[in-house]
Every structure is written in structure tokens, then in C-alpha cells.
Amino acid sequence: MNEIIEWLKSYSTGSGAGKFIVGISGGIDSALVSTLCAESGIPTILVSMPIHQQQHELNRAHNHIKWLKNKYDNVSSVEINLSHVYDTFEMMFADNEHKLALANSRARLRMTTLYQIAQTNGGLVVGTGNKVEDFGVGFFTKYGDGGVDISPIADLMKSEVREMAKELGVNQEILTASPTDGLWGDGRTDEDQLGATYDELEWAMMVTKEEFSKYSSWSDRKKEVWRIYNRFNSINKHKMRPIPVFIKKEK
């Protein structure tokens, strides 16, 4: 934990940016990242960006923001309701509506908002993705929540995120909440979308060659989780790799 906080301080100093900008969803990842930023002592702006959000998600975000502002004097906040902006955007595609594309557009509207605030305030947009999401199953929106300047918890498994958040005193309602990306407005969880829990996906991500050699003796559920993990890892490779660049041949 202290290593991450020192890393945040060092990066902020080296970049010349004097503030951190963190989107707050009401989930554990953004709660941990925002708390780590607050602990760094660097001015931190927390941004709530509801788009037809479930009220319980919004309440968790508000409670977390209030807790951080009461505890740290370097923390401020702003709420920008993007529901009207999203509705206007959605109307432009009413004749060719694609549910997943529109869900991802919510994340991209939020990214644009964060960068507007970051550039206005001379700050860095801080990512909130964990290792399973960012490098395991690619469960993030390209140029949405994947569009950030720095990623302090991208090398932490979800279990490590929970442990660190608990140690820092993050609200119990966030610690026990079912993870959700908040992009659908109907309360569906990450598990609903992925078909596996983060603990299961974390297991699949850490499977060793020795353990895989015993595949035939695995339970049906383990085999299913393994298939789920590898399917998402494969179809989302384009998110986790650098943009392909054509390299011209030297004459």
C-alpha cells in the first residue's frame, strides 16, 4: 500500500501535474484508488458521473465521497449528471440501436468528462481497473474506463483490492457490494455479464502448467470457468495489446 502511495507522489511530481482526477462509481476499485490518492496528499478531485444510475450505486458513491472529504483536506468533489447528454447521444442512433455499443458509450462519455476536468485543473486521470479486468479478461471499455493516465491498482488482483480497501477503512457497504460496471442502468452485476466471479477468474488467471496438466480431473465448474476466462481473454486481446502499427520497410 505504501509503495503505491509513494509511486503516486513520485509520478505526480515527475509529470508536473499537481492533481489527481478519479471517477467514483460506488464500487470497491474506485473507492480504493481514490483513498490511495487522498493518502498521497496530492490534491484529489472526485467525480461522480451518473447516467440513469441505480440509486443504491449513487448512494454508495455519495457516502464514500463524503467519508473521504471529511477525512482528508486535499479532497474535493464534483457531480456531473450525464443522463441528458447520454439521452441526446442515444437518440441519434434510435434507428440502429446496439445495446452493448450504447453501454460502452456511457463509459466514453465519462472518460471525456474526466479529461475535461483534468485538463482544466492540470491533473491526471487515475485509472481504477484491477489486474483481472485489465490484463485477464479485458473487462473494460476501450477509450472509456480504459482511457487513463496512470493505473495504480492494475497489478492488484481483486482479492488484493478487497484486502487493501478494508485495511484503509473503506465503507462496509462498498466492501460487500456486488461488483458492477454501472453501464446498463438495470443493476446487472459483473458476474451476470461474465458468468464467473472475480475469485474464480483470479484462479483461472493464476493456473500453472502443473495444475493445467490435471485438467481431466477438474470439476465441471472449474472447466467452465477456464473456458470463460480464455474466451474473454481471447476476444478482448485488442484492448490489452498496443495499437497495431504498420512499419514501413527501410529502402
C-alpha atoms as a PDB file:
ATOM      1  CA  MET A   1       0.000   0.000   0.000  1.00  0.00           C
ATOM      2  CA  ASN A   2       2.699   2.475   0.980  1.00  0.00           C
ATOM      3  CA  GLU A   3       4.577   1.611  -2.212  1.00  0.00           C
ATOM      4  CA  ILE A   4       1.567   2.618  -4.304  1.00  0.00           C
ATOM      5  CA  ILE A   5       1.157   5.871  -2.391  1.00  0.00           C
ATOM      6  CA  GLU A   6       4.818   6.743  -2.877  1.00  0.00           C
ATOM      7  CA  TRP A   7       4.539   5.808  -6.544  1.00  0.00           C
ATOM      8  CA  LEU A   8       1.596   8.189  -6.915  1.00  0.00           C
ATOM      9  CA  LYS A   9       3.549  11.001  -5.294  1.00  0.00           C
ATOM     10  CA  SER A  10       6.590  10.349  -7.462  1.00  0.00           C
ATOM     11  CA  TYR A  11       4.607  10.165 -10.676  1.00  0.00           C
ATOM     12  CA  SER A  12       2.724  13.352  -9.905  1.00  0.00           C
ATOM     13  CA  THR A  13       5.974  15.210  -9.216  1.00  0.00           C
ATOM     14  CA  GLY A  14       7.689  13.843 -12.306  1.00  0.00           C
ATOM     15  CA  SER A  15       4.780  14.612 -14.610  1.00  0.00           C
ATOM     16  CA  GLY A  16       4.387  18.181 -13.440  1.00  0.00           C
ATOM     17  CA  ALA A  17       0.676  17.553 -12.885  1.00  0.00           C
ATOM     18  CA  GLY A  18      -0.435  18.700  -9.476  1.00  0.00           C
ATOM     19  CA  LYS A  19      -3.778  16.953  -9.084  1.00  0.00           C
ATOM     20  CA  PHE A  20      -5.440  13.586  -9.398  1.00  0.00           C
ATOM     21  CA  ILE A  21      -8.864  13.140 -11.033  1.00  0.00           C
ATOM     22  CA  VAL A  22     -10.787   9.996 -10.059  1.00  0.00           C
ATOM     23  CA  GLY A  23     -14.184   8.861 -11.264  1.00  0.00           C
ATOM     24  CA  ILE A  24     -16.264   7.482  -8.380  1.00  0.00           C
ATOM     25  CA  SER A  25     -18.745   4.721  -9.163  1.00  0.00           C
ATOM     26  CA  GLY A  26     -19.683   3.402  -5.733  1.00  0.00           C
ATOM     27  CA  GLY A  27     -17.591   0.289  -6.348  1.00  0.00           C
ATOM     28  CA  ILE A  28     -14.571  -1.022  -4.487  1.00  0.00           C
ATOM     29  CA  ASP A  29     -11.967  -0.325  -7.176  1.00  0.00           C
ATOM     30  CA  SER A  30     -12.682   3.393  -7.456  1.00  0.00           C
ATOM     31  CA  ALA A  31     -13.063   3.566  -3.672  1.00  0.00           C
ATOM     32  CA  LEU A  32      -9.585   2.123  -3.161  1.00  0.00           C
ATOM     33  CA  VAL A  33      -7.937   4.257  -5.841  1.00  0.00           C
ATOM     34  CA  SER A  34      -9.490   7.468  -4.553  1.00  0.00           C
ATOM     35  CA  THR A  35      -8.417   6.636  -0.997  1.00  0.00           C
ATOM     36  CA  LEU A  36      -4.846   5.928  -2.109  1.00  0.00           C
ATOM     37  CA  CYS A  37      -4.799   9.246  -3.971  1.00  0.00           C
ATOM     38  CA  ALA A  38      -6.121  11.013  -0.880  1.00  0.00           C
ATOM     39  CA  GLU A  39      -3.431   9.341   1.236  1.00  0.00           C
ATOM     40  CA  SER A  40      -0.760  10.725  -1.107  1.00  0.00           C
ATOM     41  CA  GLY A  41      -1.528  14.268  -0.018  1.00  0.00           C
ATOM     42  CA  ILE A  42      -1.835  15.361  -3.662  1.00  0.00           C
ATOM     43  CA  PRO A  43      -4.981  17.429  -4.343  1.00  0.00           C
ATOM     44  CA  THR A  44      -7.591  14.925  -5.499  1.00  0.00           C
ATOM     45  CA  ILE A  45     -10.837  15.709  -7.324  1.00  0.00           C
ATOM     46  CA  LEU A  46     -13.511  13.024  -7.040  1.00  0.00           C
ATOM     47  CA  VAL A  47     -16.015  12.987  -9.895  1.00  0.00           C
ATOM     48  CA  SER A  48     -19.445  11.380  -9.756  1.00  0.00           C
ATOM     49  CA  MET A  49     -20.954  10.996 -13.250  1.00  0.00           C
ATOM     50  CA  PRO A  50     -24.355   9.298 -13.016  1.00  0.00           C
ATOM     51  CA  ILE A  51     -26.086   8.172 -16.196  1.00  0.00           C
ATOM     52  CA  HIS A  52     -29.504   6.842 -15.145  1.00  0.00           C
ATOM     53  CA  GLN A  53     -27.675   5.225 -12.245  1.00  0.00           C
ATOM     54  CA  GLN A  54     -29.223   2.794  -9.799  1.00  0.00           C
ATOM     55  CA  GLN A  55     -29.923   4.792  -6.627  1.00  0.00           C
ATOM     56  CA  HIS A  56     -28.067   2.378  -4.341  1.00  0.00           C
ATOM     57  CA  GLU A  57     -24.938   2.728  -6.504  1.00  0.00           C
ATOM     58  CA  LEU A  58     -25.219   6.505  -6.376  1.00  0.00           C
ATOM     59  CA  ASN A  59     -25.751   6.425  -2.605  1.00  0.00           C
ATOM     60  CA  ARG A  60     -22.578   4.373  -2.116  1.00  0.00           C
ATOM     61  CA  ALA A  61     -20.633   6.843  -4.260  1.00  0.00           C
ATOM     62  CA  HIS A  62     -22.002   9.807  -2.292  1.00  0.00           C
ATOM     63  CA  ASN A  63     -21.239   8.169   1.052  1.00  0.00           C
ATOM     64  CA  HIS A  64     -17.685   7.351   0.006  1.00  0.00           C
ATOM     65  CA  ILE A  65     -17.075  10.877  -1.260  1.00  0.00           C
ATOM     66  CA  LYS A  66     -18.423  12.328   1.984  1.00  0.00           C
ATOM     67  CA  TRP A  67     -16.193   9.999   4.023  1.00  0.00           C
ATOM     68  CA  LEU A  68     -13.058  10.971   2.094  1.00  0.00           C
ATOM     69  CA  LYS A  69     -13.804  14.714   2.237  1.00  0.00           C
ATOM     70  CA  ASN A  70     -14.327  14.512   5.985  1.00  0.00           C
ATOM     71  CA  LYS A  71     -11.071  12.603   6.455  1.00  0.00           C
ATOM     72  CA  TYR A  72      -8.703  14.359   4.032  1.00  0.00           C
ATOM     73  CA  ASP A  73      -8.373  18.091   3.433  1.00  0.00           C
ATOM     74  CA  ASN A  74      -6.789  17.555  -0.006  1.00  0.00           C
ATOM     75  CA  VAL A  75     -10.011  16.031  -1.398  1.00  0.00           C
ATOM     76  CA  SER A  76     -12.741  17.889  -3.275  1.00  0.00           C
ATOM     77  CA  SER A  77     -15.593  16.647  -5.424  1.00  0.00           C
ATOM     78  CA  VAL A  78     -17.919  17.465  -8.273  1.00  0.00           C
ATOM     79  CA  GLU A  79     -21.009  15.717  -9.604  1.00  0.00           C
ATOM     80  CA  ILE A  80     -21.881  15.969 -13.277  1.00  0.00           C
ATOM     81  CA  ASN A  81     -25.089  14.223 -14.266  1.00  0.00           C
ATOM     82  CA  LEU A  82     -24.571  12.955 -17.802  1.00  0.00           C
ATOM     83  CA  SER A  83     -28.027  11.414 -18.235  1.00  0.00           C
ATOM     84  CA  HIS A  84     -29.264  14.185 -20.542  1.00  0.00           C
ATOM     85  CA  VAL A  85     -26.066  14.103 -22.611  1.00  0.00           C
ATOM     86  CA  TYR A  86     -26.379  10.338 -22.971  1.00  0.00           C
ATOM     87  CA  ASP A  87     -30.076  10.557 -23.888  1.00  0.00           C
ATOM     88  CA  THR A  88     -29.280  13.060 -26.636  1.00  0.00           C
ATOM     89  CA  PHE A  89     -26.495  10.810 -27.924  1.00  0.00           C
ATOM     90  CA  GLU A  90     -28.742   7.742 -27.831  1.00  0.00           C
ATOM     91  CA  MET A  91     -31.469   9.490 -29.842  1.00  0.00           C
ATOM     92  CA  MET A  92     -29.020   9.922 -32.724  1.00  0.00           C
ATOM     93  CA  PHE A  93     -28.883   6.130 -33.102  1.00  0.00           C
ATOM     94  CA  ALA A  94     -32.539   5.312 -32.476  1.00  0.00           C
ATOM     95  CA  ASP A  95     -32.872   3.585 -35.877  1.00  0.00           C
ATOM     96  CA  ASN A  96     -29.828   1.373 -35.353  1.00  0.00           C
ATOM     97  CA  GLU A  97     -29.657   0.786 -31.611  1.00  0.00           C
ATOM     98  CA  HIS A  98     -26.918  -1.540 -30.350  1.00  0.00           C
ATOM     99  CA  LYS A  99     -27.208  -2.154 -26.605  1.00  0.00           C
ATOM    100  CA  LEU A 100     -23.546  -3.006 -25.924  1.00  0.00           C
ATOM    101  CA  ALA A 101     -22.271  -0.144 -28.055  1.00  0.00           C
ATOM    102  CA  LEU A 102     -24.509   2.257 -26.147  1.00  0.00           C
ATOM    103  CA  ALA A 103     -23.377   0.832 -22.815  1.00  0.00           C
ATOM    104  CA  ASN A 104     -19.759   1.398 -23.832  1.00  0.00           C
ATOM    105  CA  SER A 105     -20.684   4.920 -24.922  1.00  0.00           C
ATOM    106  CA  ARG A 106     -21.588   5.673 -21.315  1.00  0.00           C
ATOM    107  CA  ALA A 107     -18.009   4.859 -20.299  1.00  0.00           C
ATOM    108  CA  ARG A 108     -16.632   7.004 -23.126  1.00  0.00           C
ATOM    109  CA  LEU A 109     -18.779   9.983 -22.129  1.00  0.00           C
ATOM    110  CA  ARG A 110     -17.395   9.628 -18.607  1.00  0.00           C
ATOM    111  CA  MET A 111     -13.822   9.449 -19.911  1.00  0.00           C
ATOM    112  CA  THR A 112     -14.362  12.657 -21.912  1.00  0.00           C
ATOM    113  CA  THR A 113     -15.733  14.338 -18.796  1.00  0.00           C
ATOM    114  CA  LEU A 114     -12.773  13.264 -16.672  1.00  0.00           C
ATOM    115  CA  TYR A 115     -10.297  14.616 -19.209  1.00  0.00           C
ATOM    116  CA  GLN A 116     -12.186  17.891 -19.460  1.00  0.00           C
ATOM    117  CA  ILE A 117     -11.802  18.279 -15.693  1.00  0.00           C
ATOM    118  CA  ALA A 118      -8.195  17.043 -15.726  1.00  0.00           C
ATOM    119  CA  GLN A 119      -7.027  19.443 -18.401  1.00  0.00           C
ATOM    120  CA  THR A 120      -8.926  22.333 -16.836  1.00  0.00           C
ATOM    121  CA  ASN A 121      -7.224  21.665 -13.486  1.00  0.00           C
ATOM    122  CA  GLY A 122      -3.800  20.498 -14.655  1.00  0.00           C
ATOM    123  CA  GLY A 123      -4.384  16.985 -13.332  1.00  0.00           C
ATOM    124  CA  LEU A 124      -4.012  13.323 -14.203  1.00  0.00           C
ATOM    125  CA  VAL A 125      -6.890  10.930 -14.820  1.00  0.00           C
ATOM    126  CA  VAL A 126      -6.315   7.987 -12.495  1.00  0.00           C
ATOM    127  CA  GLY A 127      -7.481   4.557 -13.635  1.00  0.00           C
ATOM    128  CA  THR A 128      -9.448   2.239 -11.381  1.00  0.00           C
ATOM    129  CA  GLY A 129      -9.033  -1.099 -13.176  1.00  0.00           C
ATOM    130  CA  ASN A 130      -7.626  -4.137 -11.359  1.00  0.00           C
ATOM    131  CA  LYS A 131      -5.385  -6.861 -12.803  1.00  0.00           C
ATOM    132  CA  VAL A 132      -8.156  -9.343 -13.578  1.00  0.00           C
ATOM    133  CA  GLU A 133     -10.114  -6.728 -15.510  1.00  0.00           C
ATOM    134  CA  ASP A 134      -7.205  -5.045 -17.263  1.00  0.00           C
ATOM    135  CA  PHE A 135      -4.941  -7.985 -18.103  1.00  0.00           C
ATOM    136  CA  GLY A 136      -7.040 -11.097 -17.567  1.00  0.00           C
ATOM    137  CA  VAL A 137     -10.462 -10.804 -19.199  1.00  0.00           C
ATOM    138  CA  GLY A 138     -10.244  -7.280 -20.628  1.00  0.00           C
ATOM    139  CA  PHE A 139     -13.429  -6.270 -18.851  1.00  0.00           C
ATOM    140  CA  PHE A 140     -13.288  -2.559 -19.555  1.00  0.00           C
ATOM    141  CA  THR A 141     -14.327  -0.170 -22.313  1.00  0.00           C
ATOM    142  CA  LYS A 142     -11.681   0.721 -24.864  1.00  0.00           C
ATOM    143  CA  TYR A 143     -11.218   4.507 -24.707  1.00  0.00           C
ATOM    144  CA  GLY A 144     -13.724   4.565 -21.866  1.00  0.00           C
ATOM    145  CA  ASP A 145     -12.633   3.472 -18.395  1.00  0.00           C
ATOM    146  CA  GLY A 146      -9.545   2.138 -20.202  1.00  0.00           C
ATOM    147  CA  GLY A 147      -8.618   5.700 -21.182  1.00  0.00           C
ATOM    148  CA  VAL A 148      -6.480   6.904 -18.271  1.00  0.00           C
ATOM    149  CA  ASP A 149      -3.099   8.453 -17.499  1.00  0.00           C
ATOM    150  CA  ILE A 150      -1.965   6.151 -14.697  1.00  0.00           C
ATOM    151  CA  SER A 151      -3.187   2.857 -13.216  1.00  0.00           C
ATOM    152  CA  PRO A 152      -2.204   2.391  -9.573  1.00  0.00           C
ATOM    153  CA  ILE A 153      -4.061  -0.883  -8.923  1.00  0.00           C
ATOM    154  CA  ALA A 154      -3.711  -2.579 -12.321  1.00  0.00           C
ATOM    155  CA  ASP A 155      -1.209  -5.034 -10.831  1.00  0.00           C
ATOM    156  CA  LEU A 156      -3.524  -5.974  -7.956  1.00  0.00           C
ATOM    157  CA  MET A 157      -5.851  -8.951  -8.069  1.00  0.00           C
ATOM    158  CA  LYS A 158      -9.440  -8.324  -6.971  1.00  0.00           C
ATOM    159  CA  SER A 159      -8.761 -10.151  -3.704  1.00  0.00           C
ATOM    160  CA  GLU A 160      -5.856  -7.791  -3.030  1.00  0.00           C
ATOM    161  CA  VAL A 161      -8.084  -4.809  -3.802  1.00  0.00           C
ATOM    162  CA  ARG A 162     -10.621  -6.003  -1.227  1.00  0.00           C
ATOM    163  CA  GLU A 163      -7.924  -6.588   1.376  1.00  0.00           C
ATOM    164  CA  MET A 164      -6.320  -3.186   0.874  1.00  0.00           C
ATOM    165  CA  ALA A 165      -9.647  -1.352   0.826  1.00  0.00           C
ATOM    166  CA  LYS A 166     -10.609  -2.999   4.110  1.00  0.00           C
ATOM    167  CA  GLU A 167      -7.280  -2.021   5.657  1.00  0.00           C
ATOM    168  CA  LEU A 168      -7.831   1.606   4.635  1.00  0.00           C
ATOM    169  CA  GLY A 169     -11.275   1.663   6.229  1.00  0.00           C
ATOM    170  CA  VAL A 170     -13.426   1.870   3.105  1.00  0.00           C
ATOM    171  CA  ASN A 171     -17.142   1.741   3.945  1.00  0.00           C
ATOM    172  CA  GLN A 172     -18.570  -1.712   4.622  1.00  0.00           C
ATOM    173  CA  GLU A 173     -21.382  -1.180   2.106  1.00  0.00           C
ATOM    174  CA  ILE A 174     -18.756  -0.886  -0.627  1.00  0.00           C
ATOM    175  CA  LEU A 175     -16.703  -3.832   0.626  1.00  0.00           C
ATOM    176  CA  THR A 176     -19.720  -6.143   0.437  1.00  0.00           C
ATOM    177  CA  ALA A 177     -21.402  -4.764  -2.703  1.00  0.00           C
ATOM    178  CA  SER A 178     -21.601  -6.968  -5.794  1.00  0.00           C
ATOM    179  CA  PRO A 179     -19.182  -5.613  -8.423  1.00  0.00           C
ATOM    180  CA  THR A 180     -20.887  -3.833 -11.330  1.00  0.00           C
ATOM    181  CA  ASP A 181     -19.666  -1.669 -14.196  1.00  0.00           C
ATOM    182  CA  GLY A 182     -22.717   0.613 -13.908  1.00  0.00           C
ATOM    183  CA  LEU A 183     -23.128   0.841 -17.676  1.00  0.00           C
ATOM    184  CA  TRP A 184     -26.579  -0.673 -18.089  1.00  0.00           C
ATOM    185  CA  GLY A 185     -28.864   1.076 -15.622  1.00  0.00           C
ATOM    186  CA  ASP A 186     -30.617  -2.167 -14.697  1.00  0.00           C
ATOM    187  CA  GLY A 187     -28.404  -3.281 -11.812  1.00  0.00           C
ATOM    188  CA  ARG A 188     -26.746  -6.211 -13.602  1.00  0.00           C
ATOM    189  CA  THR A 189     -23.506  -7.267 -11.945  1.00  0.00           C
ATOM    190  CA  ASP A 190     -20.125  -8.105 -13.412  1.00  0.00           C
ATOM    191  CA  GLU A 191     -20.781 -11.754 -12.603  1.00  0.00           C
ATOM    192  CA  ASP A 192     -24.042 -11.592 -14.560  1.00  0.00           C
ATOM    193  CA  GLN A 193     -22.098 -10.403 -17.584  1.00  0.00           C
ATOM    194  CA  LEU A 194     -19.003 -12.576 -17.234  1.00  0.00           C
ATOM    195  CA  GLY A 195     -20.581 -15.776 -15.985  1.00  0.00           C
ATOM    196  CA  ALA A 196     -17.982 -16.153 -13.232  1.00  0.00           C
ATOM    197  CA  THR A 197     -16.955 -14.431 -10.020  1.00  0.00           C
ATOM    198  CA  TYR A 198     -13.715 -12.478  -9.714  1.00  0.00           C
ATOM    199  CA  ASP A 199     -12.393 -15.122  -7.333  1.00  0.00           C
ATOM    200  CA  GLU A 200     -12.992 -17.757  -9.998  1.00  0.00           C
ATOM    201  CA  LEU A 201     -11.418 -15.631 -12.740  1.00  0.00           C
ATOM    202  CA  GLU A 202      -8.473 -14.881 -10.484  1.00  0.00           C
ATOM    203  CA  TRP A 203      -7.969 -18.610 -10.042  1.00  0.00           C
ATOM    204  CA  ALA A 204      -8.058 -19.153 -13.821  1.00  0.00           C
ATOM    205  CA  MET A 205      -5.581 -16.343 -14.393  1.00  0.00           C
ATOM    206  CA  MET A 206      -3.135 -17.958 -11.966  1.00  0.00           C
ATOM    207  CA  VAL A 207      -3.403 -21.562 -13.198  1.00  0.00           C
ATOM    208  CA  THR A 208       0.067 -23.088 -13.526  1.00  0.00           C
ATOM    209  CA  LYS A 209       1.206 -25.571 -16.180  1.00  0.00           C
ATOM    210  CA  GLU A 210       1.333 -28.245 -13.499  1.00  0.00           C
ATOM    211  CA  GLU A 211      -2.224 -27.546 -12.435  1.00  0.00           C
ATOM    212  CA  PHE A 212      -3.449 -27.457 -16.039  1.00  0.00           C
ATOM    213  CA  SER A 213      -1.899 -30.870 -16.639  1.00  0.00           C
ATOM    214  CA  LYS A 214      -4.592 -32.214 -14.275  1.00  0.00           C
ATOM    215  CA  TYR A 215      -7.392 -30.679 -16.345  1.00  0.00           C
ATOM    216  CA  SER A 216      -9.162 -34.018 -16.818  1.00  0.00           C
ATOM    217  CA  SER A 217      -9.682 -34.297 -13.065  1.00  0.00           C
ATOM    218  CA  TRP A 218     -11.071 -30.767 -12.644  1.00  0.00           C
ATOM    219  CA  SER A 219     -14.671 -30.288 -11.609  1.00  0.00           C
ATOM    220  CA  ASP A 220     -17.177 -29.263 -14.268  1.00  0.00           C
ATOM    221  CA  ARG A 221     -17.319 -25.777 -12.760  1.00  0.00           C
ATOM    222  CA  LYS A 222     -13.544 -25.325 -12.929  1.00  0.00           C
ATOM    223  CA  LYS A 223     -13.579 -26.385 -16.568  1.00  0.00           C
ATOM    224  CA  GLU A 224     -16.395 -23.921 -17.284  1.00  0.00           C
ATOM    225  CA  VAL A 225     -14.561 -21.056 -15.561  1.00  0.00           C
ATOM    226  CA  TRP A 226     -11.425 -21.925 -17.519  1.00  0.00           C
ATOM    227  CA  ARG A 227     -13.414 -21.707 -20.766  1.00  0.00           C
ATOM    228  CA  ILE A 228     -14.994 -18.413 -19.721  1.00  0.00           C
ATOM    229  CA  TYR A 229     -11.651 -16.889 -18.794  1.00  0.00           C
ATOM    230  CA  ASN A 230      -9.948 -17.935 -22.020  1.00  0.00           C
ATOM    231  CA  ARG A 231     -12.864 -16.789 -24.173  1.00  0.00           C
ATOM    232  CA  PHE A 232     -12.801 -13.275 -22.720  1.00  0.00           C
ATOM    233  CA  ASN A 233      -9.007 -13.199 -22.736  1.00  0.00           C
ATOM    234  CA  SER A 234      -9.045 -14.063 -26.436  1.00  0.00           C
ATOM    235  CA  ILE A 235     -11.809 -11.771 -27.708  1.00  0.00           C
ATOM    236  CA  ASN A 236     -10.523  -8.808 -25.682  1.00  0.00           C
ATOM    237  CA  LYS A 237      -6.858  -9.122 -26.654  1.00  0.00           C
ATOM    238  CA  HIS A 238      -7.221  -5.988 -28.797  1.00  0.00           C
ATOM    239  CA  LYS A 239      -7.804  -3.984 -25.604  1.00  0.00           C
ATOM    240  CA  MET A 240      -4.803  -5.381 -23.776  1.00  0.00           C
ATOM    241  CA  ARG A 241      -2.230  -5.034 -26.556  1.00  0.00           C
ATOM    242  CA  PRO A 242      -0.709  -1.884 -28.071  1.00  0.00           C
ATOM    243  CA  ILE A 243      -2.451  -0.497 -31.155  1.00  0.00           C
ATOM    244  CA  PRO A 244      -1.139  -2.315 -34.259  1.00  0.00           C
ATOM    245  CA  VAL A 245       1.132  -0.036 -36.264  1.00  0.00           C
ATOM    246  CA  PHE A 246       2.243  -0.661 -39.837  1.00  0.00           C
ATOM    247  CA  ILE A 247       6.035  -0.431 -40.003  1.00  0.00           C
ATOM    248  CA  LYS A 248       7.349   0.531 -43.399  1.00  0.00           C
ATOM    249  CA  LYS A 249      10.366  -1.278 -44.773  1.00  0.00           C
ATOM    250  CA  GLU A 250      13.623   0.586 -44.970  1.00  0.00           C
ATOM    251  CA  LYS A 251      14.628   1.329 -48.563  1.00  0.00           C
END
